Amino acid sequence: MSDLDLASMASTLEASGQYRVLRRLIPRPPRPHPDGAKLRTGLFVDVETTGLDVRQDEIIELAMVPFRYGLDGTIYEVLEPFHGYRQPSRPILPLITSLTGIDDATVEGTDIAPANVASFAAPAALVIAHNASFDRRFLERYSEVFKTKPWACSMSEIDWSSEGFEGTKLAYLAMGAGFYYERHRATSDCLAAIELLALPLPKSGKTGLYRLLQNARTPKWRIWAEGAPFSMKDALKARGYKWNGDDSVPPRCWSIEVTDADKDAELRFLRESIYGADVEPLMRMIDPYDRFSDRC
C-alpha cells in the first residue's frame, strides 16, 4: 500500500471524529530560509546513564543533533547527528537495561572520546536538553565545552500546560502533537524533541522553539530559603520551591527561580509567610550560561 493510500486512510479516520491517528516520526526535511536571515546552530543533546547520581553514575549513550534555526524560532534544517556508546566501569543494572534497551553487550569495547565531543559541540550557539538539569551535569563532567555554552530546557522552559498539554514527559508531548518515535534511545529522543520545537503550539500558534528562546533569554533570580522552618515545607512546595538535597551550594534547602519583576514579591513572601522576620535570603542572578548546572 502506498504512502498516499495510507495518508488518505488516516485522514478519513480522523475526519470521522471517532479516531485519532499517531504518525511515525520521519526526518524533518530542510526548508529554505529568507535571504539575509540570521541563522544560529542549536544542539539538542541526550544522555543515557547508569543511574541518576551524577557523582558516581556514568554516561553509556550520548546523542547530539545539531540544527539550524532563525532568531524567530523557526527551525530550517536538522543536521547529521553524533552518536556513541560508552562502556562504563561497572556492569549495567537490569533496571537501566529495561528502561533504555542498553545492556553490557551493547556497550562492550566502546568509548566516546571527549575531544570528539568537544569538537562536535563547539559550533553550537545554544545547547538544549529535555530535562537540562540532568543532562548538563553529566555532560559538564565529561567535556569542558558544555561549561562554555548557554543552555535551555525544553521540558521546563516552555509552558506546556498553557498550550493544552497535561504533562511534560517527551513521549507524552509527542503523542499530544500527533506522532510517536522510538523511546529512550538518545538520537530518537533528540529528533522527537526537535520536532516538538519546530511545530506550532496548539494555543499560541508560536513554535516551541520561539517560546523556549523567549524564556531562555530572560535572566532570572535564584532565591534560596536557607534555614526555613520544617513546618513551612508544604507552603514552600505549594509556592513552587524545589528541594535541593545534594551537595551543591547551598545544600539541603528549598529554592525557586523568579523573574526580576517577581523578585520583590518573592522576598516579601519569605519574610512575611516563612520566616516572620526581615531576613535577607541568599539569592543570585542566573543566566543561560550557568542555569541547570551545579554552579547554581
C-alpha atoms as a PDB file:
ATOM      1  CA  MET A   1       0.000   0.000   0.000  1.00  0.00           C
ATOM      2  CA  SER A   2       1.462   3.395  -0.992  1.00  0.00           C
ATOM      3  CA  ASP A   3       2.174   6.266   1.382  1.00  0.00           C
ATOM      4  CA  LEU A   4      -0.579   8.259  -0.341  1.00  0.00           C
ATOM      5  CA  ASP A   5      -3.089   5.477   0.330  1.00  0.00           C
ATOM      6  CA  LEU A   6      -2.081   5.299   3.969  1.00  0.00           C
ATOM      7  CA  ALA A   7      -2.266   9.082   4.355  1.00  0.00           C
ATOM      8  CA  SER A   8      -5.749   9.079   2.801  1.00  0.00           C
ATOM      9  CA  MET A   9      -6.907   6.349   5.179  1.00  0.00           C
ATOM     10  CA  ALA A  10      -5.523   8.231   8.164  1.00  0.00           C
ATOM     11  CA  SER A  11      -7.255  11.441   7.072  1.00  0.00           C
ATOM     12  CA  THR A  12     -10.528   9.584   6.646  1.00  0.00           C
ATOM     13  CA  LEU A  13     -10.299   8.079  10.109  1.00  0.00           C
ATOM     14  CA  GLU A  14      -9.518  11.448  11.724  1.00  0.00           C
ATOM     15  CA  ALA A  15     -12.299  13.210   9.774  1.00  0.00           C
ATOM     16  CA  SER A  16     -14.821  10.766  11.252  1.00  0.00           C
ATOM     17  CA  GLY A  17     -14.253  12.212  14.709  1.00  0.00           C
ATOM     18  CA  GLN A  18     -14.046   8.670  16.086  1.00  0.00           C
ATOM     19  CA  TYR A  19     -10.289   8.171  15.756  1.00  0.00           C
ATOM     20  CA  ARG A  20      -7.042   9.944  16.388  1.00  0.00           C
ATOM     21  CA  VAL A  21      -4.059   8.757  14.355  1.00  0.00           C
ATOM     22  CA  LEU A  22      -0.451   8.891  15.541  1.00  0.00           C
ATOM     23  CA  ARG A  23       2.099   9.148  12.761  1.00  0.00           C
ATOM     24  CA  ARG A  24       5.615   7.750  12.974  1.00  0.00           C
ATOM     25  CA  LEU A  25       8.241  10.475  13.235  1.00  0.00           C
ATOM     26  CA  ILE A  26      10.160  10.865   9.989  1.00  0.00           C
ATOM     27  CA  PRO A  27      13.216  13.088   9.446  1.00  0.00           C
ATOM     28  CA  ARG A  28      12.262  16.731   9.027  1.00  0.00           C
ATOM     29  CA  PRO A  29      13.259  17.917   5.517  1.00  0.00           C
ATOM     30  CA  PRO A  30      15.235  21.181   5.134  1.00  0.00           C
ATOM     31  CA  ARG A  31      13.264  24.289   4.321  1.00  0.00           C
ATOM     32  CA  PRO A  32      14.584  27.430   2.619  1.00  0.00           C
ATOM     33  CA  HIS A  33      15.325  30.424   4.777  1.00  0.00           C
ATOM     34  CA  PRO A  34      14.689  34.068   3.870  1.00  0.00           C
ATOM     35  CA  ASP A  35      17.544  35.997   2.313  1.00  0.00           C
ATOM     36  CA  GLY A  36      19.516  37.798   4.960  1.00  0.00           C
ATOM     37  CA  ALA A  37      18.030  35.797   7.841  1.00  0.00           C
ATOM     38  CA  LYS A  38      20.350  35.468  10.812  1.00  0.00           C
ATOM     39  CA  LEU A  39      20.723  31.765  11.500  1.00  0.00           C
ATOM     40  CA  ARG A  40      22.180  30.039  14.538  1.00  0.00           C
ATOM     41  CA  THR A  41      23.225  26.455  15.221  1.00  0.00           C
ATOM     42  CA  GLY A  42      21.407  24.758  18.058  1.00  0.00           C
ATOM     43  CA  LEU A  43      22.471  21.450  19.565  1.00  0.00           C
ATOM     44  CA  PHE A  44      19.974  19.070  21.116  1.00  0.00           C
ATOM     45  CA  VAL A  45      21.622  16.582  23.460  1.00  0.00           C
ATOM     46  CA  ASP A  46      20.503  13.483  25.307  1.00  0.00           C
ATOM     47  CA  VAL A  47      22.388  11.054  27.528  1.00  0.00           C
ATOM     48  CA  GLU A  48      21.523   7.624  28.852  1.00  0.00           C
ATOM     49  CA  THR A  49      23.363   6.780  32.049  1.00  0.00           C
ATOM     50  CA  THR A  50      23.919   4.006  34.561  1.00  0.00           C
ATOM     51  CA  GLY A  51      21.799   5.871  37.106  1.00  0.00           C
ATOM     52  CA  LEU A  52      20.705   9.250  38.415  1.00  0.00           C
ATOM     53  CA  ASP A  53      23.643  10.151  40.678  1.00  0.00           C
ATOM     54  CA  VAL A  54      25.960  12.420  38.721  1.00  0.00           C
ATOM     55  CA  ARG A  55      28.737  11.857  41.272  1.00  0.00           C
ATOM     56  CA  GLN A  56      29.054   8.123  40.685  1.00  0.00           C
ATOM     57  CA  ASP A  57      26.966   7.114  37.652  1.00  0.00           C
ATOM     58  CA  GLU A  58      28.292   7.236  34.104  1.00  0.00           C
ATOM     59  CA  ILE A  59      27.207   8.048  30.569  1.00  0.00           C
ATOM     60  CA  ILE A  60      26.584   4.941  28.457  1.00  0.00           C
ATOM     61  CA  GLU A  61      24.997   6.596  25.408  1.00  0.00           C
ATOM     62  CA  LEU A  62      25.263  10.105  24.016  1.00  0.00           C
ATOM     63  CA  ALA A  63      23.483  11.726  21.102  1.00  0.00           C
ATOM     64  CA  MET A  64      23.931  15.268  19.837  1.00  0.00           C
ATOM     65  CA  VAL A  65      21.775  16.545  16.995  1.00  0.00           C
ATOM     66  CA  PRO A  66      22.624  19.966  15.529  1.00  0.00           C
ATOM     67  CA  PHE A  67      20.019  22.071  13.776  1.00  0.00           C
ATOM     68  CA  ARG A  68      19.850  25.475  12.122  1.00  0.00           C
ATOM     69  CA  TYR A  69      17.285  27.964  13.357  1.00  0.00           C
ATOM     70  CA  GLY A  70      16.281  31.591  12.985  1.00  0.00           C
ATOM     71  CA  LEU A  71      16.014  34.080  15.808  1.00  0.00           C
ATOM     72  CA  ASP A  72      12.224  33.953  15.406  1.00  0.00           C
ATOM     73  CA  GLY A  73      12.192  30.297  16.487  1.00  0.00           C
ATOM     74  CA  THR A  74      11.880  28.750  13.028  1.00  0.00           C
ATOM     75  CA  ILE A  75      13.868  25.521  12.513  1.00  0.00           C
ATOM     76  CA  TYR A  76      15.199  25.347   8.963  1.00  0.00           C
ATOM     77  CA  GLU A  77      17.396  22.267   8.902  1.00  0.00           C
ATOM     78  CA  VAL A  78      18.274  19.262  11.049  1.00  0.00           C
ATOM     79  CA  LEU A  79      21.904  18.259  10.511  1.00  0.00           C
ATOM     80  CA  GLU A  80      23.769  14.955  10.830  1.00  0.00           C
ATOM     81  CA  PRO A  81      23.824  13.651  14.424  1.00  0.00           C
ATOM     82  CA  PHE A  82      26.647  12.478  16.649  1.00  0.00           C
ATOM     83  CA  HIS A  83      26.000   9.206  18.432  1.00  0.00           C
ATOM     84  CA  GLY A  84      28.128   6.947  20.582  1.00  0.00           C
ATOM     85  CA  TYR A  85      28.051   4.227  23.213  1.00  0.00           C
ATOM     86  CA  ARG A  86      30.436   4.021  26.134  1.00  0.00           C
ATOM     87  CA  GLN A  87      31.318   1.037  28.300  1.00  0.00           C
ATOM     88  CA  PRO A  88      31.069   2.025  31.984  1.00  0.00           C
ATOM     89  CA  SER A  89      33.383   0.878  34.746  1.00  0.00           C
ATOM     90  CA  ARG A  90      30.667  -1.324  36.284  1.00  0.00           C
ATOM     91  CA  PRO A  91      28.015  -3.651  34.824  1.00  0.00           C
ATOM     92  CA  ILE A  92      24.775  -2.014  33.716  1.00  0.00           C
ATOM     93  CA  LEU A  93      21.915  -2.737  36.098  1.00  0.00           C
ATOM     94  CA  PRO A  94      18.897  -4.687  34.771  1.00  0.00           C
ATOM     95  CA  LEU A  95      16.630  -1.720  35.606  1.00  0.00           C
ATOM     96  CA  ILE A  96      18.661   0.542  33.308  1.00  0.00           C
ATOM     97  CA  THR A  97      18.574  -2.071  30.552  1.00  0.00           C
ATOM     98  CA  SER A  98      14.797  -2.374  30.875  1.00  0.00           C
ATOM     99  CA  LEU A  99      14.431   1.402  30.531  1.00  0.00           C
ATOM    100  CA  THR A 100      16.946   2.045  27.760  1.00  0.00           C
ATOM    101  CA  GLY A 101      17.434  -1.265  25.965  1.00  0.00           C
ATOM    102  CA  ILE A 102      21.181  -0.896  26.556  1.00  0.00           C
ATOM    103  CA  ASP A 103      22.981  -3.852  28.128  1.00  0.00           C
ATOM    104  CA  ASP A 104      26.623  -4.767  28.702  1.00  0.00           C
ATOM    105  CA  ALA A 105      26.857  -6.423  25.281  1.00  0.00           C
ATOM    106  CA  THR A 106      25.687  -3.223  23.576  1.00  0.00           C
ATOM    107  CA  VAL A 107      28.493  -1.121  25.030  1.00  0.00           C
ATOM    108  CA  GLU A 108      31.281  -3.715  25.287  1.00  0.00           C
ATOM    109  CA  GLY A 109      34.518  -2.271  23.998  1.00  0.00           C
ATOM    110  CA  THR A 110      33.016   1.129  23.126  1.00  0.00           C
ATOM    111  CA  ASP A 111      34.071   4.614  24.153  1.00  0.00           C
ATOM    112  CA  ILE A 112      33.199   8.237  23.424  1.00  0.00           C
ATOM    113  CA  ALA A 113      36.266  10.440  23.087  1.00  0.00           C
ATOM    114  CA  PRO A 114      35.794  13.728  24.991  1.00  0.00           C
ATOM    115  CA  ALA A 115      37.857  15.516  22.334  1.00  0.00           C
ATOM    116  CA  ASN A 116      35.429  14.400  19.625  1.00  0.00           C
ATOM    117  CA  VAL A 117      32.500  15.547  21.738  1.00  0.00           C
ATOM    118  CA  ALA A 118      34.088  18.965  22.270  1.00  0.00           C
ATOM    119  CA  SER A 119      34.816  19.384  18.565  1.00  0.00           C
ATOM    120  CA  PHE A 120      31.278  18.447  17.554  1.00  0.00           C
ATOM    121  CA  ALA A 121      29.643  20.735  20.144  1.00  0.00           C
ATOM    122  CA  ALA A 122      31.928  23.725  19.569  1.00  0.00           C
ATOM    123  CA  PRO A 123      29.833  25.460  16.830  1.00  0.00           C
ATOM    124  CA  ALA A 124      26.623  25.436  18.891  1.00  0.00           C
ATOM    125  CA  ALA A 125      25.194  28.798  19.903  1.00  0.00           C
ATOM    126  CA  LEU A 126      22.761  27.067  22.279  1.00  0.00           C
ATOM    127  CA  VAL A 127      22.570  23.618  23.869  1.00  0.00           C
ATOM    128  CA  ILE A 128      19.120  22.198  24.640  1.00  0.00           C
ATOM    129  CA  ALA A 129      18.021  19.109  26.545  1.00  0.00           C
ATOM    130  CA  HIS A 130      14.691  17.782  27.726  1.00  0.00           C
ATOM    131  CA  ASN A 131      15.474  17.962  31.457  1.00  0.00           C
ATOM    132  CA  ALA A 132      18.655  20.003  31.162  1.00  0.00           C
ATOM    133  CA  SER A 133      19.385  19.896  34.887  1.00  0.00           C
ATOM    134  CA  PHE A 134      20.118  16.172  34.416  1.00  0.00           C
ATOM    135  CA  ASP A 135      21.961  16.157  31.091  1.00  0.00           C
ATOM    136  CA  ARG A 136      24.051  19.267  31.733  1.00  0.00           C
ATOM    137  CA  ARG A 137      25.540  17.962  34.972  1.00  0.00           C
ATOM    138  CA  PHE A 138      26.655  14.723  33.362  1.00  0.00           C
ATOM    139  CA  LEU A 139      27.984  16.403  30.225  1.00  0.00           C
ATOM    140  CA  GLU A 140      29.905  19.133  32.031  1.00  0.00           C
ATOM    141  CA  ARG A 141      31.830  16.416  33.831  1.00  0.00           C
ATOM    142  CA  TYR A 142      32.553  14.741  30.504  1.00  0.00           C
ATOM    143  CA  SER A 143      33.687  17.743  28.461  1.00  0.00           C
ATOM    144  CA  GLU A 144      34.562  21.296  29.419  1.00  0.00           C
ATOM    145  CA  VAL A 145      32.915  22.614  26.250  1.00  0.00           C
ATOM    146  CA  PHE A 146      29.481  22.337  27.874  1.00  0.00           C
ATOM    147  CA  LYS A 147      30.514  24.792  30.612  1.00  0.00           C
ATOM    148  CA  THR A 148      31.079  27.475  27.968  1.00  0.00           C
ATOM    149  CA  LYS A 149      27.660  27.226  26.299  1.00  0.00           C
ATOM    150  CA  PRO A 150      24.277  28.740  27.143  1.00  0.00           C
ATOM    151  CA  TRP A 151      21.702  26.036  27.896  1.00  0.00           C
ATOM    152  CA  ALA A 152      17.937  25.768  27.636  1.00  0.00           C
ATOM    153  CA  CYS A 153      15.453  23.132  28.780  1.00  0.00           C
ATOM    154  CA  SER A 154      12.592  22.065  26.518  1.00  0.00           C
ATOM    155  CA  MET A 155      10.831  20.444  29.470  1.00  0.00           C
ATOM    156  CA  SER A 156      10.780  23.303  31.987  1.00  0.00           C
ATOM    157  CA  GLU A 157      11.175  26.457  29.868  1.00  0.00           C
ATOM    158  CA  ILE A 158       8.064  26.019  27.748  1.00  0.00           C
ATOM    159  CA  ASP A 159       4.680  26.444  29.427  1.00  0.00           C
ATOM    160  CA  TRP A 160       3.230  23.239  28.010  1.00  0.00           C
ATOM    161  CA  SER A 161       0.147  23.344  30.243  1.00  0.00           C
ATOM    162  CA  SER A 162      -0.954  26.723  28.858  1.00  0.00           C
ATOM    163  CA  GLU A 163      -0.808  25.155  25.388  1.00  0.00           C
ATOM    164  CA  GLY A 164      -3.187  22.361  26.390  1.00  0.00           C
ATOM    165  CA  PHE A 165      -0.725  19.610  27.357  1.00  0.00           C
ATOM    166  CA  GLU A 166      -1.241  17.842  30.666  1.00  0.00           C
ATOM    167  CA  GLY A 167       2.319  16.633  31.179  1.00  0.00           C
ATOM    168  CA  THR A 168       5.917  17.387  30.216  1.00  0.00           C
ATOM    169  CA  LYS A 169       7.395  13.946  29.510  1.00  0.00           C
ATOM    170  CA  LEU A 170       8.777  13.773  25.995  1.00  0.00           C
ATOM    171  CA  ALA A 171       6.732  10.754  24.901  1.00  0.00           C
ATOM    172  CA  TYR A 172       3.513  12.311  26.196  1.00  0.00           C
ATOM    173  CA  LEU A 173       4.196  15.599  24.424  1.00  0.00           C
ATOM    174  CA  ALA A 174       4.900  13.734  21.189  1.00  0.00           C
ATOM    175  CA  MET A 175       1.593  11.870  21.441  1.00  0.00           C
ATOM    176  CA  GLY A 176      -0.178  15.160  22.062  1.00  0.00           C
ATOM    177  CA  ALA A 177       1.446  16.547  18.925  1.00  0.00           C
ATOM    178  CA  GLY A 178       0.318  13.526  16.899  1.00  0.00           C
ATOM    179  CA  PHE A 179       3.435  11.410  16.407  1.00  0.00           C
ATOM    180  CA  TYR A 180       5.358   8.563  18.001  1.00  0.00           C
ATOM    181  CA  TYR A 181       9.024   7.540  17.968  1.00  0.00           C
ATOM    182  CA  GLU A 182      11.482   5.007  19.406  1.00  0.00           C
ATOM    183  CA  ARG A 183      11.614   5.970  23.076  1.00  0.00           C
ATOM    184  CA  HIS A 184      14.626   6.045  25.395  1.00  0.00           C
ATOM    185  CA  ARG A 185      17.163   5.930  22.590  1.00  0.00           C
ATOM    186  CA  ALA A 186      19.272   9.033  22.651  1.00  0.00           C
ATOM    187  CA  THR A 187      19.169  10.042  18.986  1.00  0.00           C
ATOM    188  CA  SER A 188      15.446   9.328  18.673  1.00  0.00           C
ATOM    189  CA  ASP A 189      14.744  11.383  21.784  1.00  0.00           C
ATOM    190  CA  CYS A 190      16.680  14.329  20.317  1.00  0.00           C
ATOM    191  CA  LEU A 191      14.864  14.149  16.976  1.00  0.00           C
ATOM    192  CA  ALA A 192      11.474  13.919  18.698  1.00  0.00           C
ATOM    193  CA  ALA A 193      12.234  16.949  20.836  1.00  0.00           C
ATOM    194  CA  ILE A 194      13.435  18.977  17.834  1.00  0.00           C
ATOM    195  CA  GLU A 195      10.200  18.099  16.045  1.00  0.00           C
ATOM    196  CA  LEU A 196       8.224  19.414  19.026  1.00  0.00           C
ATOM    197  CA  LEU A 197      10.245  22.630  18.957  1.00  0.00           C
ATOM    198  CA  ALA A 198       9.624  23.037  15.221  1.00  0.00           C
ATOM    199  CA  LEU A 199       5.835  22.612  15.350  1.00  0.00           C
ATOM    200  CA  PRO A 200       3.410  25.478  16.055  1.00  0.00           C
ATOM    201  CA  LEU A 201       1.965  25.186  19.549  1.00  0.00           C
ATOM    202  CA  PRO A 202      -1.794  24.485  19.607  1.00  0.00           C
ATOM    203  CA  LYS A 203      -2.948  27.587  21.515  1.00  0.00           C
ATOM    204  CA  SER A 204      -0.478  30.379  20.718  1.00  0.00           C
ATOM    205  CA  GLY A 205       0.472  29.272  17.218  1.00  0.00           C
ATOM    206  CA  LYS A 206       4.114  30.064  18.027  1.00  0.00           C
ATOM    207  CA  THR A 207       6.731  27.374  17.619  1.00  0.00           C
ATOM    208  CA  GLY A 208       8.009  25.587  20.687  1.00  0.00           C
ATOM    209  CA  LEU A 209      11.480  26.963  19.958  1.00  0.00           C
ATOM    210  CA  TYR A 210      10.123  30.528  19.899  1.00  0.00           C
ATOM    211  CA  ARG A 211       8.722  30.077  23.408  1.00  0.00           C
ATOM    212  CA  LEU A 212      11.890  28.345  24.576  1.00  0.00           C
ATOM    213  CA  LEU A 213      14.135  31.139  23.308  1.00  0.00           C
ATOM    214  CA  GLN A 214      11.913  33.729  24.979  1.00  0.00           C
ATOM    215  CA  ASN A 215      12.281  32.077  28.369  1.00  0.00           C
ATOM    216  CA  ALA A 216      15.919  31.075  27.997  1.00  0.00           C
ATOM    217  CA  ARG A 217      16.948  34.651  27.183  1.00  0.00           C
ATOM    218  CA  THR A 218      15.240  36.044  30.283  1.00  0.00           C
ATOM    219  CA  PRO A 219      17.589  36.341  33.284  1.00  0.00           C
ATOM    220  CA  LYS A 220      16.105  35.007  36.497  1.00  0.00           C
ATOM    221  CA  TRP A 221      16.859  35.169  40.184  1.00  0.00           C
ATOM    222  CA  ARG A 222      17.507  32.017  42.182  1.00  0.00           C
ATOM    223  CA  ILE A 223      16.388  32.545  45.770  1.00  0.00           C
ATOM    224  CA  TRP A 224      17.277  30.035  48.490  1.00  0.00           C
ATOM    225  CA  ALA A 225      15.136  29.609  51.605  1.00  0.00           C
ATOM    226  CA  GLU A 226      18.025  28.585  53.850  1.00  0.00           C
ATOM    227  CA  GLY A 227      17.038  27.534  57.342  1.00  0.00           C
ATOM    228  CA  ALA A 228      13.316  27.713  56.620  1.00  0.00           C
ATOM    229  CA  PRO A 229      11.301  26.028  59.377  1.00  0.00           C
ATOM    230  CA  PHE A 230      10.402  22.426  58.619  1.00  0.00           C
ATOM    231  CA  SER A 231       6.755  23.265  59.288  1.00  0.00           C
ATOM    232  CA  MET A 232       6.850  25.590  56.246  1.00  0.00           C
ATOM    233  CA  LYS A 233       7.776  22.875  53.739  1.00  0.00           C
ATOM    234  CA  ASP A 234       4.238  22.480  52.386  1.00  0.00           C
ATOM    235  CA  ALA A 235       3.858  26.235  51.911  1.00  0.00           C
ATOM    236  CA  LEU A 236       7.169  26.400  50.048  1.00  0.00           C
ATOM    237  CA  LYS A 237       6.316  23.433  47.867  1.00  0.00           C
ATOM    238  CA  ALA A 238       2.898  24.900  47.027  1.00  0.00           C
ATOM    239  CA  ARG A 239       4.626  28.151  46.065  1.00  0.00           C
ATOM    240  CA  GLY A 240       6.838  26.329  43.555  1.00  0.00           C
ATOM    241  CA  TYR A 241      10.018  25.878  45.593  1.00  0.00           C
ATOM    242  CA  LYS A 242      12.130  22.799  44.907  1.00  0.00           C
ATOM    243  CA  TRP A 243      14.130  20.846  47.454  1.00  0.00           C
ATOM    244  CA  ASN A 244      17.871  20.532  46.920  1.00  0.00           C
ATOM    245  CA  GLY A 245      19.161  17.510  48.793  1.00  0.00           C
ATOM    246  CA  ASP A 246      22.597  17.117  47.187  1.00  0.00           C
ATOM    247  CA  ASP A 247      25.965  18.694  47.920  1.00  0.00           C
ATOM    248  CA  SER A 248      25.644  21.788  45.728  1.00  0.00           C
ATOM    249  CA  VAL A 249      25.826  25.194  47.382  1.00  0.00           C
ATOM    250  CA  PRO A 250      23.867  25.754  49.498  1.00  0.00           C
ATOM    251  CA  PRO A 251      22.912  22.137  50.223  1.00  0.00           C
ATOM    252  CA  ARG A 252      19.689  20.759  51.638  1.00  0.00           C
ATOM    253  CA  CYS A 253      17.332  23.695  51.337  1.00  0.00           C
ATOM    254  CA  TRP A 254      14.424  24.973  49.253  1.00  0.00           C
ATOM    255  CA  SER A 255      14.916  27.290  46.281  1.00  0.00           C
ATOM    256  CA  ILE A 256      12.950  28.940  43.493  1.00  0.00           C
ATOM    257  CA  GLU A 257      13.673  30.854  40.278  1.00  0.00           C
ATOM    258  CA  VAL A 258      11.732  34.038  39.562  1.00  0.00           C
ATOM    259  CA  THR A 259      11.955  36.854  37.052  1.00  0.00           C
ATOM    260  CA  ASP A 260      13.269  40.271  38.007  1.00  0.00           C
ATOM    261  CA  ALA A 261       9.700  41.590  38.046  1.00  0.00           C
ATOM    262  CA  ASP A 262       8.672  38.955  40.615  1.00  0.00           C
ATOM    263  CA  LYS A 263      11.738  39.142  42.852  1.00  0.00           C
ATOM    264  CA  ASP A 264      10.432  41.691  45.381  1.00  0.00           C
ATOM    265  CA  ALA A 265       7.132  39.849  45.800  1.00  0.00           C
ATOM    266  CA  GLU A 266       9.012  36.617  46.467  1.00  0.00           C
ATOM    267  CA  LEU A 267      11.175  38.250  49.109  1.00  0.00           C
ATOM    268  CA  ARG A 268       8.048  39.614  50.823  1.00  0.00           C
ATOM    269  CA  PHE A 269       6.525  36.134  50.818  1.00  0.00           C
ATOM    270  CA  LEU A 270       9.589  34.668  52.525  1.00  0.00           C
ATOM    271  CA  ARG A 271       9.821  37.426  55.129  1.00  0.00           C
ATOM    272  CA  GLU A 272       6.125  37.557  55.973  1.00  0.00           C
ATOM    273  CA  SER A 273       4.936  33.966  55.465  1.00  0.00           C
ATOM    274  CA  ILE A 274       8.007  31.768  56.061  1.00  0.00           C
ATOM    275  CA  TYR A 275      10.487  33.466  58.387  1.00  0.00           C
ATOM    276  CA  GLY A 276       8.303  36.083  60.094  1.00  0.00           C
ATOM    277  CA  ALA A 277      11.322  38.381  60.147  1.00  0.00           C
ATOM    278  CA  ASP A 278      13.168  40.890  57.968  1.00  0.00           C
ATOM    279  CA  VAL A 279      15.752  38.421  56.682  1.00  0.00           C
ATOM    280  CA  GLU A 280      17.955  38.746  53.591  1.00  0.00           C
ATOM    281  CA  PRO A 281      17.741  35.393  51.775  1.00  0.00           C
ATOM    282  CA  LEU A 282      20.659  34.219  49.673  1.00  0.00           C
ATOM    283  CA  MET A 283      19.982  34.967  46.014  1.00  0.00           C
ATOM    284  CA  ARG A 284      21.817  35.386  42.748  1.00  0.00           C
ATOM    285  CA  MET A 285      21.020  36.138  39.141  1.00  0.00           C
ATOM    286  CA  ILE A 286      21.013  33.072  36.883  1.00  0.00           C
ATOM    287  CA  ASP A 287      21.575  33.254  33.141  1.00  0.00           C
ATOM    288  CA  PRO A 288      21.674  30.536  30.441  1.00  0.00           C
ATOM    289  CA  TYR A 289      25.432  30.082  30.901  1.00  0.00           C
ATOM    290  CA  ASP A 290      25.084  28.564  34.356  1.00  0.00           C
ATOM    291  CA  ARG A 291      21.393  27.658  34.606  1.00  0.00           C
ATOM    292  CA  PHE A 292      20.836  23.910  35.211  1.00  0.00           C
ATOM    293  CA  SER A 293      24.469  23.432  36.323  1.00  0.00           C
ATOM    294  CA  ASP A 294      25.997  22.608  39.699  1.00  0.00           C
ATOM    295  CA  ARG A 295      27.159  26.226  39.922  1.00  0.00           C
ATOM    296  CA  CYS A 296      23.732  27.495  40.874  1.00  0.00           C
END
